[in-house]
């Protein structure tokens, strides 16, 4: 009998690709959306990759409310909990990220445990397994936990760390059949299914449009969204994956390297990409006096920390593609869908 997999936050960038990847592999899929109107756009987006053929259904549920989760989990075999707040804090309030991430994860886990789901794979983040300061040299793995009490930690990192911690604490007190596995990705890029929710891909769109007039000295461990889906599904099905964390970062690349690849490889489409490196001091001064939104990226300037994906490769047989391919495929997809803007 075909298994039914629930994907949370179905209208999101990663979740949409998870829905498509599961359908391609023969699963039935139920996706949660915050309103019924979102269901049509998800179906249309996924249909560009695979024919849902009556195997995609929807449930209305929100991370901030209890209603709808029990119904969403009814008859579900496995869960990919992908939904989570992304980006800067709304109005400068850290709670706008932390509460939905932590409480939402617990809502999903409670409903999954009650429904007897086999395994929940939760999307965390590599920055939940990182030294508080990215300036620390070395390569870290899943055994490291970011200190959520560090006062210098930006709210997004704190939210991902606290949400994952809460999920593992919940499972420690759960004695039923449901298992938890977490996947900790790096910076997610790759093709887009829709232009409605670009997520991290918005960085490439801003580069292509010329709106990013220089690049800060920030390095990203780039993972392709298609490879991220692959590691989620491997973690969902591997007998050895239950109760484990898996880092899913990719090749490290400075933003300046990304800019040069886009400028050099895309022809006219890359002509507006700026390859000018912005000095760290200039970024910090802008963050302090003119662009408060930059304050959350300043800790990453000149970052030195890397992550090891040896565990995912060894246990799950996972192999990510080169970052150059991901960046170019991402850009080509945005250009094709006219999602660059002026």
C-alpha atoms as a PDB file:
ATOM      1  CA  UNK A   1       0.000   0.000   0.000  1.00  0.00           C
ATOM      2  CA  UNK A   2       1.292   3.462  -0.910  1.00  0.00           C
ATOM      3  CA  UNK A   3       2.441   5.503   2.079  1.00  0.00           C
ATOM      4  CA  UNK A   4       0.967   8.915   2.813  1.00  0.00           C
ATOM      5  CA  UNK A   5       3.499  11.631   3.705  1.00  0.00           C
ATOM      6  CA  UNK A   6       2.570  14.968   5.241  1.00  0.00           C
ATOM      7  CA  UNK A   7       4.659  17.992   4.217  1.00  0.00           C
ATOM      8  CA  UNK A   8       4.194  21.078   6.374  1.00  0.00           C
ATOM      9  CA  UNK A   9       4.220  24.567   4.894  1.00  0.00           C
ATOM     10  CA  UNK A  10       3.419  23.335   1.405  1.00  0.00           C
ATOM     11  CA  UNK A  11       3.622  26.780  -0.211  1.00  0.00           C
ATOM     12  CA  UNK A  12       7.246  27.289   0.863  1.00  0.00           C
ATOM     13  CA  UNK A  13      10.273  26.997  -1.396  1.00  0.00           C
ATOM     14  CA  UNK A  14      11.749  23.845   0.168  1.00  0.00           C
ATOM     15  CA  UNK A  15       8.381  22.282   0.932  1.00  0.00           C
ATOM     16  CA  UNK A  16       7.190  22.646  -2.658  1.00  0.00           C
ATOM     17  CA  UNK A  17      10.208  20.729  -3.876  1.00  0.00           C
ATOM     18  CA  UNK A  18       9.627  18.115  -1.146  1.00  0.00           C
ATOM     19  CA  UNK A  19       6.080  17.628  -2.417  1.00  0.00           C
ATOM     20  CA  UNK A  20       7.356  17.226  -5.973  1.00  0.00           C
ATOM     21  CA  UNK A  21      10.135  14.846  -4.933  1.00  0.00           C
ATOM     22  CA  UNK A  22       7.795  12.616  -2.964  1.00  0.00           C
ATOM     23  CA  UNK A  23       5.284  12.454  -5.810  1.00  0.00           C
ATOM     24  CA  UNK A  24       8.068  11.561  -8.236  1.00  0.00           C
ATOM     25  CA  UNK A  25       9.027   8.680  -5.952  1.00  0.00           C
ATOM     26  CA  UNK A  26       5.476   7.320  -5.845  1.00  0.00           C
ATOM     27  CA  UNK A  27       4.236   8.557  -2.468  1.00  0.00           C
ATOM     28  CA  UNK A  28       0.836  10.052  -1.766  1.00  0.00           C
ATOM     29  CA  UNK A  29       1.283  13.530  -0.323  1.00  0.00           C
ATOM     30  CA  UNK A  30      -0.752  15.785   1.922  1.00  0.00           C
ATOM     31  CA  UNK A  31       0.536  19.335   2.301  1.00  0.00           C
ATOM     32  CA  UNK A  32      -0.470  21.813   4.957  1.00  0.00           C
ATOM     33  CA  UNK A  33      -1.352  25.350   3.915  1.00  0.00           C
ATOM     34  CA  UNK A  34      -2.466  28.304   6.001  1.00  0.00           C
ATOM     35  CA  UNK A  35      -5.508  28.968   3.824  1.00  0.00           C
ATOM     36  CA  UNK A  36      -7.483  26.962   1.243  1.00  0.00           C
ATOM     37  CA  UNK A  37      -6.545  29.498  -1.435  1.00  0.00           C
ATOM     38  CA  UNK A  38      -2.907  28.408  -1.226  1.00  0.00           C
ATOM     39  CA  UNK A  39      -3.708  24.863  -2.362  1.00  0.00           C
ATOM     40  CA  UNK A  40      -4.220  25.795  -6.020  1.00  0.00           C
ATOM     41  CA  UNK A  41      -0.900  27.650  -6.268  1.00  0.00           C
ATOM     42  CA  UNK A  42       0.954  24.692  -4.733  1.00  0.00           C
ATOM     43  CA  UNK A  43      -0.668  22.280  -7.175  1.00  0.00           C
ATOM     44  CA  UNK A  44       0.199  24.511 -10.124  1.00  0.00           C
ATOM     45  CA  UNK A  45       3.805  24.887  -8.979  1.00  0.00           C
ATOM     46  CA  UNK A  46       4.343  21.176  -8.447  1.00  0.00           C
ATOM     47  CA  UNK A  47       2.669  20.317 -11.762  1.00  0.00           C
ATOM     48  CA  UNK A  48       5.582  21.943 -13.552  1.00  0.00           C
ATOM     49  CA  UNK A  49       7.735  19.031 -12.364  1.00  0.00           C
ATOM     50  CA  UNK A  50       5.402  16.069 -11.862  1.00  0.00           C
ATOM     51  CA  UNK A  51       1.744  15.238 -12.486  1.00  0.00           C
ATOM     52  CA  UNK A  52       0.015  15.011  -9.073  1.00  0.00           C
ATOM     53  CA  UNK A  53      -2.578  12.682 -10.670  1.00  0.00           C
ATOM     54  CA  UNK A  54      -4.929  12.742  -7.677  1.00  0.00           C
ATOM     55  CA  UNK A  55      -2.139  11.892  -5.220  1.00  0.00           C
ATOM     56  CA  UNK A  56      -1.818  15.393  -3.707  1.00  0.00           C
ATOM     57  CA  UNK A  57      -4.228  16.622  -1.058  1.00  0.00           C
ATOM     58  CA  UNK A  58      -4.232  19.517   1.405  1.00  0.00           C
ATOM     59  CA  UNK A  59      -5.011  20.318   5.025  1.00  0.00           C
ATOM     60  CA  UNK A  60      -5.384  23.779   6.532  1.00  0.00           C
ATOM     61  CA  UNK A  61      -3.144  24.215   9.577  1.00  0.00           C
ATOM     62  CA  UNK A  62      -0.965  26.982  10.989  1.00  0.00           C
ATOM     63  CA  UNK A  63       2.115  26.668  13.200  1.00  0.00           C
ATOM     64  CA  UNK A  64       0.709  29.306  15.542  1.00  0.00           C
ATOM     65  CA  UNK A  65      -2.565  27.500  16.324  1.00  0.00           C
ATOM     66  CA  UNK A  66      -3.613  24.049  17.567  1.00  0.00           C
ATOM     67  CA  UNK A  67      -6.557  23.732  15.215  1.00  0.00           C
ATOM     68  CA  UNK A  68      -6.208  21.494  12.198  1.00  0.00           C
ATOM     69  CA  UNK A  69      -3.150  19.450  13.122  1.00  0.00           C
ATOM     70  CA  UNK A  70      -4.939  16.308  14.285  1.00  0.00           C
ATOM     71  CA  UNK A  71      -6.934  16.264  11.047  1.00  0.00           C
ATOM     72  CA  UNK A  72      -3.799  16.949   9.014  1.00  0.00           C
ATOM     73  CA  UNK A  73      -2.051  13.906  10.553  1.00  0.00           C
ATOM     74  CA  UNK A  74      -4.961  11.478  10.174  1.00  0.00           C
ATOM     75  CA  UNK A  75      -3.815   8.287   8.389  1.00  0.00           C
ATOM     76  CA  UNK A  76      -0.347   9.761   7.737  1.00  0.00           C
ATOM     77  CA  UNK A  77       2.624   7.368   7.723  1.00  0.00           C
ATOM     78  CA  UNK A  78       5.521   9.834   7.718  1.00  0.00           C
ATOM     79  CA  UNK A  79       6.057  13.591   8.070  1.00  0.00           C
ATOM     80  CA  UNK A  80       8.461  16.103   6.584  1.00  0.00           C
ATOM     81  CA  UNK A  81       8.172  19.096   8.907  1.00  0.00           C
ATOM     82  CA  UNK A  82       9.644  21.813   6.736  1.00  0.00           C
ATOM     83  CA  UNK A  83       7.557  24.845   7.714  1.00  0.00           C
ATOM     84  CA  UNK A  84       9.305  27.459   9.823  1.00  0.00           C
ATOM     85  CA  UNK A  85       9.714  31.243   9.881  1.00  0.00           C
ATOM     86  CA  UNK A  86      12.588  32.451   7.695  1.00  0.00           C
ATOM     87  CA  UNK A  87      14.570  35.656   7.616  1.00  0.00           C
ATOM     88  CA  UNK A  88      14.835  38.751   9.744  1.00  0.00           C
ATOM     89  CA  UNK A  89      12.666  39.475  12.744  1.00  0.00           C
ATOM     90  CA  UNK A  90       9.399  41.274  12.172  1.00  0.00           C
ATOM     91  CA  UNK A  91       9.494  44.671  13.835  1.00  0.00           C
ATOM     92  CA  UNK A  92      12.689  43.723  15.621  1.00  0.00           C
ATOM     93  CA  UNK A  93      10.868  41.302  17.930  1.00  0.00           C
ATOM     94  CA  UNK A  94      12.740  37.970  18.269  1.00  0.00           C
ATOM     95  CA  UNK A  95       9.529  36.279  19.387  1.00  0.00           C
ATOM     96  CA  UNK A  96       8.157  36.665  15.858  1.00  0.00           C
ATOM     97  CA  UNK A  97      10.543  33.876  14.829  1.00  0.00           C
ATOM     98  CA  UNK A  98      11.128  31.912  18.011  1.00  0.00           C
ATOM     99  CA  UNK A  99       7.557  31.192  19.109  1.00  0.00           C
ATOM    100  CA  UNK A 100       6.215  29.904  15.763  1.00  0.00           C
ATOM    101  CA  UNK A 101       9.321  27.773  15.183  1.00  0.00           C
ATOM    102  CA  UNK A 102       9.412  26.158  18.624  1.00  0.00           C
ATOM    103  CA  UNK A 103       5.692  25.922  19.337  1.00  0.00           C
ATOM    104  CA  UNK A 104       4.926  24.894  15.774  1.00  0.00           C
ATOM    105  CA  UNK A 105       7.394  22.016  15.938  1.00  0.00           C
ATOM    106  CA  UNK A 106       5.779  20.813  19.148  1.00  0.00           C
ATOM    107  CA  UNK A 107       2.292  21.009  17.638  1.00  0.00           C
ATOM    108  CA  UNK A 108       3.385  18.860  14.716  1.00  0.00           C
ATOM    109  CA  UNK A 109       5.164  16.338  16.951  1.00  0.00           C
ATOM    110  CA  UNK A 110       2.242  16.000  19.375  1.00  0.00           C
ATOM    111  CA  UNK A 111      -0.201  15.371  16.536  1.00  0.00           C
ATOM    112  CA  UNK A 112       2.216  12.975  14.837  1.00  0.00           C
ATOM    113  CA  UNK A 113       2.795  11.006  18.031  1.00  0.00           C
ATOM    114  CA  UNK A 114      -0.934  10.850  18.690  1.00  0.00           C
ATOM    115  CA  UNK A 115      -1.523   9.552  15.148  1.00  0.00           C
ATOM    116  CA  UNK A 116       1.211   6.914  15.462  1.00  0.00           C
ATOM    117  CA  UNK A 117       3.301   8.307  12.602  1.00  0.00           C
ATOM    118  CA  UNK A 118       6.399   6.209  11.891  1.00  0.00           C
ATOM    119  CA  UNK A 119       8.902   9.047  11.599  1.00  0.00           C
ATOM    120  CA  UNK A 120       9.017  12.834  11.552  1.00  0.00           C
ATOM    121  CA  UNK A 121      11.881  14.452   9.657  1.00  0.00           C
ATOM    122  CA  UNK A 122      12.253  18.029  10.829  1.00  0.00           C
ATOM    123  CA  UNK A 123      14.157  20.702   8.931  1.00  0.00           C
ATOM    124  CA  UNK A 124      16.480  22.519  11.307  1.00  0.00           C
ATOM    125  CA  UNK A 125      19.523  24.525  10.162  1.00  0.00           C
ATOM    126  CA  UNK A 126      23.285  24.152  10.094  1.00  0.00           C
ATOM    127  CA  UNK A 127      23.531  27.255  12.226  1.00  0.00           C
ATOM    128  CA  UNK A 128      21.943  25.228  15.047  1.00  0.00           C
ATOM    129  CA  UNK A 129      25.150  23.161  15.030  1.00  0.00           C
ATOM    130  CA  UNK A 130      27.694  25.961  14.871  1.00  0.00           C
ATOM    131  CA  UNK A 131      29.962  27.907  17.204  1.00  0.00           C
ATOM    132  CA  UNK A 132      28.269  31.119  18.329  1.00  0.00           C
ATOM    133  CA  UNK A 133      30.927  33.069  16.463  1.00  0.00           C
ATOM    134  CA  UNK A 134      31.450  32.058  12.850  1.00  0.00           C
ATOM    135  CA  UNK A 135      34.985  33.431  13.205  1.00  0.00           C
ATOM    136  CA  UNK A 136      35.964  30.224  14.997  1.00  0.00           C
ATOM    137  CA  UNK A 137      38.250  28.160  12.790  1.00  0.00           C
ATOM    138  CA  UNK A 138      37.571  24.503  12.070  1.00  0.00           C
ATOM    139  CA  UNK A 139      34.988  22.017  10.876  1.00  0.00           C
ATOM    140  CA  UNK A 140      32.089  21.025  13.137  1.00  0.00           C
ATOM    141  CA  UNK A 141      29.609  18.167  12.999  1.00  0.00           C
ATOM    142  CA  UNK A 142      26.212  17.190  14.420  1.00  0.00           C
ATOM    143  CA  UNK A 143      27.571  16.691  17.940  1.00  0.00           C
ATOM    144  CA  UNK A 144      27.880  20.456  18.396  1.00  0.00           C
ATOM    145  CA  UNK A 145      24.892  22.499  19.521  1.00  0.00           C
ATOM    146  CA  UNK A 146      24.714  26.258  19.128  1.00  0.00           C
ATOM    147  CA  UNK A 147      24.362  28.005  22.502  1.00  0.00           C
ATOM    148  CA  UNK A 148      20.909  29.626  22.399  1.00  0.00           C
ATOM    149  CA  UNK A 149      21.717  31.715  25.489  1.00  0.00           C
ATOM    150  CA  UNK A 150      24.562  33.570  23.808  1.00  0.00           C
ATOM    151  CA  UNK A 151      23.420  37.234  23.781  1.00  0.00           C
ATOM    152  CA  UNK A 152      25.170  37.870  20.432  1.00  0.00           C
ATOM    153  CA  UNK A 153      23.099  35.218  18.647  1.00  0.00           C
ATOM    154  CA  UNK A 154      20.727  36.573  15.998  1.00  0.00           C
ATOM    155  CA  UNK A 155      17.042  35.647  16.465  1.00  0.00           C
ATOM    156  CA  UNK A 156      16.908  33.353  13.432  1.00  0.00           C
ATOM    157  CA  UNK A 157      19.731  31.157  14.742  1.00  0.00           C
ATOM    158  CA  UNK A 158      18.190  31.169  18.201  1.00  0.00           C
ATOM    159  CA  UNK A 159      14.779  30.187  16.800  1.00  0.00           C
ATOM    160  CA  UNK A 160      16.160  27.221  14.837  1.00  0.00           C
ATOM    161  CA  UNK A 161      18.227  26.015  17.789  1.00  0.00           C
ATOM    162  CA  UNK A 162      15.422  26.325  20.325  1.00  0.00           C
ATOM    163  CA  UNK A 163      12.918  24.660  17.985  1.00  0.00           C
ATOM    164  CA  UNK A 164      15.182  21.665  17.418  1.00  0.00           C
ATOM    165  CA  UNK A 165      16.046  21.432  21.104  1.00  0.00           C
ATOM    166  CA  UNK A 166      12.346  21.473  21.995  1.00  0.00           C
ATOM    167  CA  UNK A 167      11.659  18.722  19.461  1.00  0.00           C
ATOM    168  CA  UNK A 168      14.351  16.433  20.890  1.00  0.00           C
ATOM    169  CA  UNK A 169      13.212  17.165  24.467  1.00  0.00           C
ATOM    170  CA  UNK A 170       9.666  16.211  23.503  1.00  0.00           C
ATOM    171  CA  UNK A 171      10.818  12.949  21.941  1.00  0.00           C
ATOM    172  CA  UNK A 172      12.902  12.114  25.027  1.00  0.00           C
ATOM    173  CA  UNK A 173       9.667  11.975  27.000  1.00  0.00           C
ATOM    174  CA  UNK A 174       7.747  10.065  24.329  1.00  0.00           C
ATOM    175  CA  UNK A 175       7.599   6.275  24.502  1.00  0.00           C
ATOM    176  CA  UNK A 176       5.481   5.556  21.425  1.00  0.00           C
ATOM    177  CA  UNK A 177       6.534   4.271  17.983  1.00  0.00           C
ATOM    178  CA  UNK A 178       7.126   7.688  16.418  1.00  0.00           C
ATOM    179  CA  UNK A 179      10.766   8.528  15.626  1.00  0.00           C
ATOM    180  CA  UNK A 180      12.385  11.908  15.017  1.00  0.00           C
ATOM    181  CA  UNK A 181      15.188  12.760  12.616  1.00  0.00           C
ATOM    182  CA  UNK A 182      16.488  16.261  11.959  1.00  0.00           C
ATOM    183  CA  UNK A 183      18.144  17.646   8.825  1.00  0.00           C
ATOM    184  CA  UNK A 184      20.366  20.730   9.144  1.00  0.00           C
ATOM    185  CA  UNK A 185      20.836  22.447   5.762  1.00  0.00           C
ATOM    186  CA  UNK A 186      23.131  25.282   4.787  1.00  0.00           C
ATOM    187  CA  UNK A 187      22.141  28.077   2.384  1.00  0.00           C
ATOM    188  CA  UNK A 188      19.481  26.657   0.065  1.00  0.00           C
ATOM    189  CA  UNK A 189      19.523  27.627  -3.610  1.00  0.00           C
ATOM    190  CA  UNK A 190      18.508  25.996  -6.877  1.00  0.00           C
ATOM    191  CA  UNK A 191      15.616  26.196  -9.357  1.00  0.00           C
ATOM    192  CA  UNK A 192      12.300  27.691  -8.301  1.00  0.00           C
ATOM    193  CA  UNK A 193       8.881  26.140  -8.814  1.00  0.00           C
ATOM    194  CA  UNK A 194       7.093  29.455  -8.401  1.00  0.00           C
ATOM    195  CA  UNK A 195       7.975  33.099  -7.886  1.00  0.00           C
ATOM    196  CA  UNK A 196       5.537  33.510  -4.998  1.00  0.00           C
ATOM    197  CA  UNK A 197       7.948  32.506  -2.233  1.00  0.00           C
ATOM    198  CA  UNK A 198      11.615  32.777  -3.175  1.00  0.00           C
ATOM    199  CA  UNK A 199      13.087  32.373   0.304  1.00  0.00           C
ATOM    200  CA  UNK A 200      16.898  32.357   0.260  1.00  0.00           C
ATOM    201  CA  UNK A 201      16.842  32.400  -3.559  1.00  0.00           C
ATOM    202  CA  UNK A 202      15.968  36.083  -3.281  1.00  0.00           C
ATOM    203  CA  UNK A 203      19.692  36.726  -2.802  1.00  0.00           C
ATOM    204  CA  UNK A 204      20.413  35.546  -6.350  1.00  0.00           C
ATOM    205  CA  UNK A 205      17.446  37.528  -7.687  1.00  0.00           C
ATOM    206  CA  UNK A 206      18.796  40.719  -6.090  1.00  0.00           C
ATOM    207  CA  UNK A 207      22.232  40.040  -7.573  1.00  0.00           C
ATOM    208  CA  UNK A 208      20.811  39.553 -11.059  1.00  0.00           C
ATOM    209  CA  UNK A 209      18.671  42.678 -10.847  1.00  0.00           C
ATOM    210  CA  UNK A 210      21.612  44.874  -9.901  1.00  0.00           C
ATOM    211  CA  UNK A 211      19.909  45.905  -6.669  1.00  0.00           C
ATOM    212  CA  UNK A 212      22.807  44.409  -4.735  1.00  0.00           C
ATOM    213  CA  UNK A 213      25.413  47.025  -5.628  1.00  0.00           C
ATOM    214  CA  UNK A 214      28.213  45.168  -3.888  1.00  0.00           C
ATOM    215  CA  UNK A 215      28.732  41.906  -2.068  1.00  0.00           C
ATOM    216  CA  UNK A 216      29.618  41.582   1.616  1.00  0.00           C
ATOM    217  CA  UNK A 217      32.424  39.245   2.686  1.00  0.00           C
ATOM    218  CA  UNK A 218      30.051  36.449   3.595  1.00  0.00           C
ATOM    219  CA  UNK A 219      30.533  32.786   2.768  1.00  0.00           C
ATOM    220  CA  UNK A 220      27.716  30.309   2.279  1.00  0.00           C
ATOM    221  CA  UNK A 221      27.642  26.506   2.407  1.00  0.00           C
ATOM    222  CA  UNK A 222      25.408  26.123  -0.618  1.00  0.00           C
ATOM    223  CA  UNK A 223      23.077  23.146  -0.872  1.00  0.00           C
ATOM    224  CA  UNK A 224      20.823  22.557  -3.860  1.00  0.00           C
ATOM    225  CA  UNK A 225      17.133  22.372  -2.985  1.00  0.00           C
ATOM    226  CA  UNK A 226      16.866  19.165  -5.045  1.00  0.00           C
ATOM    227  CA  UNK A 227      19.666  17.575  -3.022  1.00  0.00           C
ATOM    228  CA  UNK A 228      18.035  18.784   0.183  1.00  0.00           C
ATOM    229  CA  UNK A 229      14.833  16.995  -0.800  1.00  0.00           C
ATOM    230  CA  UNK A 230      16.867  13.875  -1.503  1.00  0.00           C
ATOM    231  CA  UNK A 231      18.471  13.875   1.943  1.00  0.00           C
ATOM    232  CA  UNK A 232      15.081  14.468   3.604  1.00  0.00           C
ATOM    233  CA  UNK A 233      13.574  11.447   1.870  1.00  0.00           C
ATOM    234  CA  UNK A 234      16.636   9.307   2.625  1.00  0.00           C
ATOM    235  CA  UNK A 235      16.378  10.361   6.277  1.00  0.00           C
ATOM    236  CA  UNK A 236      12.662   9.543   6.215  1.00  0.00           C
ATOM    237  CA  UNK A 237      13.184   5.969   5.021  1.00  0.00           C
ATOM    238  CA  UNK A 238      16.622   4.800   6.210  1.00  0.00           C
ATOM    239  CA  UNK A 239      16.383   2.337   9.117  1.00  0.00           C
ATOM    240  CA  UNK A 240      19.577   3.830  10.570  1.00  0.00           C
ATOM    241  CA  UNK A 241      18.327   7.424  10.512  1.00  0.00           C
ATOM    242  CA  UNK A 242      15.861   7.332  13.403  1.00  0.00           C
ATOM    243  CA  UNK A 243      16.900   9.502  16.337  1.00  0.00           C
ATOM    244  CA  UNK A 244      19.734  11.153  14.376  1.00  0.00           C
ATOM    245  CA  UNK A 245      20.780  14.657  13.290  1.00  0.00           C
ATOM    246  CA  UNK A 246      22.177  15.077   9.770  1.00  0.00           C
ATOM    247  CA  UNK A 247      24.027  18.122   8.512  1.00  0.00           C
ATOM    248  CA  UNK A 248      23.134  18.833   4.874  1.00  0.00           C
ATOM    249  CA  UNK A 249      25.444  21.629   3.891  1.00  0.00           C
ATOM    250  CA  UNK A 250      27.135  21.879   0.538  1.00  0.00           C
ATOM    251  CA  UNK A 251      30.242  23.396  -0.951  1.00  0.00           C
ATOM    252  CA  UNK A 252      31.483  26.612   0.692  1.00  0.00           C
ATOM    253  CA  UNK A 253      31.459  29.654  -1.577  1.00  0.00           C
ATOM    254  CA  UNK A 254      32.012  33.352  -0.895  1.00  0.00           C
ATOM    255  CA  UNK A 255      29.281  35.646  -2.193  1.00  0.00           C
ATOM    256  CA  UNK A 256      31.931  37.344  -4.327  1.00  0.00           C
ATOM    257  CA  UNK A 257      32.577  33.983  -6.019  1.00  0.00           C
ATOM    258  CA  UNK A 258      28.833  33.617  -6.646  1.00  0.00           C
ATOM    259  CA  UNK A 259      28.778  37.080  -8.204  1.00  0.00           C
ATOM    260  CA  UNK A 260      31.682  36.291 -10.531  1.00  0.00           C
ATOM    261  CA  UNK A 261      30.058  33.027 -11.656  1.00  0.00           C
ATOM    262  CA  UNK A 262      26.797  34.806 -12.451  1.00  0.00           C
ATOM    263  CA  UNK A 263      28.550  37.670 -14.198  1.00  0.00           C
ATOM    264  CA  UNK A 264      30.864  35.458 -16.242  1.00  0.00           C
ATOM    265  CA  UNK A 265      28.542  32.574 -17.153  1.00  0.00           C
ATOM    266  CA  UNK A 266      25.125  34.111 -17.827  1.00  0.00           C
ATOM    267  CA  UNK A 267      25.923  36.546 -20.613  1.00  0.00           C
ATOM    268  CA  UNK A 268      23.407  39.388 -20.836  1.00  0.00           C
ATOM    269  CA  UNK A 269      21.354  37.975 -17.942  1.00  0.00           C
ATOM    270  CA  UNK A 270      24.357  38.439 -15.633  1.00  0.00           C
ATOM    271  CA  UNK A 271      25.407  41.869 -16.876  1.00  0.00           C
ATOM    272  CA  UNK A 272      23.923  43.750 -13.908  1.00  0.00           C
ATOM    273  CA  UNK A 273      25.586  41.582 -11.250  1.00  0.00           C
ATOM    274  CA  UNK A 274      28.020  43.588  -9.145  1.00  0.00           C
ATOM    275  CA  UNK A 275      31.270  41.876  -8.222  1.00  0.00           C
ATOM    276  CA  UNK A 276      32.452  44.754  -6.019  1.00  0.00           C
ATOM    277  CA  UNK A 277      33.492  43.569  -2.556  1.00  0.00           C
ATOM    278  CA  UNK A 278      32.098  45.723   0.259  1.00  0.00           C
ATOM    279  CA  UNK A 279      34.601  46.142   3.126  1.00  0.00           C
ATOM    280  CA  UNK A 280      33.497  44.707   6.470  1.00  0.00           C
ATOM    281  CA  UNK A 281      33.755  48.131   8.129  1.00  0.00           C
ATOM    282  CA  UNK A 282      31.404  49.650   5.565  1.00  0.00           C
ATOM    283  CA  UNK A 283      28.820  46.920   6.187  1.00  0.00           C
ATOM    284  CA  UNK A 284      29.039  47.450   9.955  1.00  0.00           C
ATOM    285  CA  UNK A 285      28.688  51.226   9.613  1.00  0.00           C
ATOM    286  CA  UNK A 286      25.678  50.829   7.313  1.00  0.00           C
ATOM    287  CA  UNK A 287      24.111  48.379   9.763  1.00  0.00           C
ATOM    288  CA  UNK A 288      24.623  50.755  12.651  1.00  0.00           C
ATOM    289  CA  UNK A 289      23.493  54.039  11.123  1.00  0.00           C
ATOM    290  CA  UNK A 290      21.505  53.483   7.902  1.00  0.00           C
ATOM    291  CA  UNK A 291      20.412  49.886   7.322  1.00  0.00           C
ATOM    292  CA  UNK A 292      19.376  48.161  10.571  1.00  0.00           C
ATOM    293  CA  UNK A 293      18.352  45.103   8.522  1.00  0.00           C
ATOM    294  CA  UNK A 294      22.050  44.422   7.956  1.00  0.00           C
ATOM    295  CA  UNK A 295      22.716  43.931  11.659  1.00  0.00           C
ATOM    296  CA  UNK A 296      21.793  40.271  11.524  1.00  0.00           C
ATOM    297  CA  UNK A 297      24.389  39.461   8.868  1.00  0.00           C
ATOM    298  CA  UNK A 298      27.354  41.244  10.451  1.00  0.00           C
ATOM    299  CA  UNK A 299      28.303  38.261  12.685  1.00  0.00           C
ATOM    300  CA  UNK A 300      28.840  36.228   9.490  1.00  0.00           C
ATOM    301  CA  UNK A 301      31.350  38.627   7.917  1.00  0.00           C
ATOM    302  CA  UNK A 302      34.538  36.766   7.090  1.00  0.00           C
ATOM    303  CA  UNK A 303      33.176  33.530   8.544  1.00  0.00           C
ATOM    304  CA  UNK A 304      35.623  30.675   9.017  1.00  0.00           C
ATOM    305  CA  UNK A 305      33.543  27.822  10.431  1.00  0.00           C
ATOM    306  CA  UNK A 306      32.576  24.914   8.149  1.00  0.00           C
ATOM    307  CA  UNK A 307      30.380  21.858   8.647  1.00  0.00           C
ATOM    308  CA  UNK A 308      31.021  18.189   7.919  1.00  0.00           C
ATOM    309  CA  UNK A 309      28.474  16.139   5.963  1.00  0.00           C
ATOM    310  CA  UNK A 310      30.403  12.889   6.439  1.00  0.00           C
ATOM    311  CA  UNK A 311      27.565  11.404   8.497  1.00  0.00           C
ATOM    312  CA  UNK A 312      24.915  11.991   5.807  1.00  0.00           C
ATOM    313  CA  UNK A 313      27.243  10.554   3.173  1.00  0.00           C
ATOM    314  CA  UNK A 314      28.112   7.495   5.264  1.00  0.00           C
ATOM    315  CA  UNK A 315      24.701   6.663   6.751  1.00  0.00           C
ATOM    316  CA  UNK A 316      22.390   7.873   3.992  1.00  0.00           C
ATOM    317  CA  UNK A 317      24.601   7.626   0.904  1.00  0.00           C
ATOM    318  CA  UNK A 318      23.930  11.305   0.213  1.00  0.00           C
ATOM    319  CA  UNK A 319      26.008  13.204  -2.348  1.00  0.00           C
ATOM    320  CA  UNK A 320      25.342  16.919  -3.023  1.00  0.00           C
ATOM    321  CA  UNK A 321      26.138  18.508  -6.368  1.00  0.00           C
ATOM    322  CA  UNK A 322      28.740  21.279  -6.909  1.00  0.00           C
ATOM    323  CA  UNK A 323      27.744  24.767  -5.768  1.00  0.00           C
ATOM    324  CA  UNK A 324      28.536  26.271  -9.181  1.00  0.00           C
ATOM    325  CA  UNK A 325      25.877  24.095 -10.812  1.00  0.00           C
ATOM    326  CA  UNK A 326      23.335  25.042  -8.162  1.00  0.00           C
ATOM    327  CA  UNK A 327      23.970  28.780  -8.472  1.00  0.00           C
ATOM    328  CA  UNK A 328      23.697  28.727 -12.267  1.00  0.00           C
ATOM    329  CA  UNK A 329      20.572  26.553 -12.274  1.00  0.00           C
ATOM    330  CA  UNK A 330      19.042  28.895  -9.723  1.00  0.00           C
ATOM    331  CA  UNK A 331      19.794  31.959 -11.821  1.00  0.00           C
ATOM    332  CA  UNK A 332      18.571  30.357 -15.054  1.00  0.00           C
ATOM    333  CA  UNK A 333      15.307  29.424 -13.374  1.00  0.00           C
ATOM    334  CA  UNK A 334      14.765  32.983 -12.109  1.00  0.00           C
ATOM    335  CA  UNK A 335      15.506  34.447 -15.541  1.00  0.00           C
ATOM    336  CA  UNK A 336      13.191  31.971 -17.257  1.00  0.00           C
ATOM    337  CA  UNK A 337      10.356  32.903 -14.897  1.00  0.00           C
ATOM    338  CA  UNK A 338      11.059  36.641 -15.181  1.00  0.00           C
ATOM    339  CA  UNK A 339      11.620  36.772 -11.422  1.00  0.00           C
ATOM    340  CA  UNK A 340      14.650  39.073 -11.471  1.00  0.00           C
ATOM    341  CA  UNK A 341      13.009  42.467 -11.697  1.00  0.00           C
ATOM    342  CA  UNK A 342      14.714  45.773 -12.273  1.00  0.00           C
END
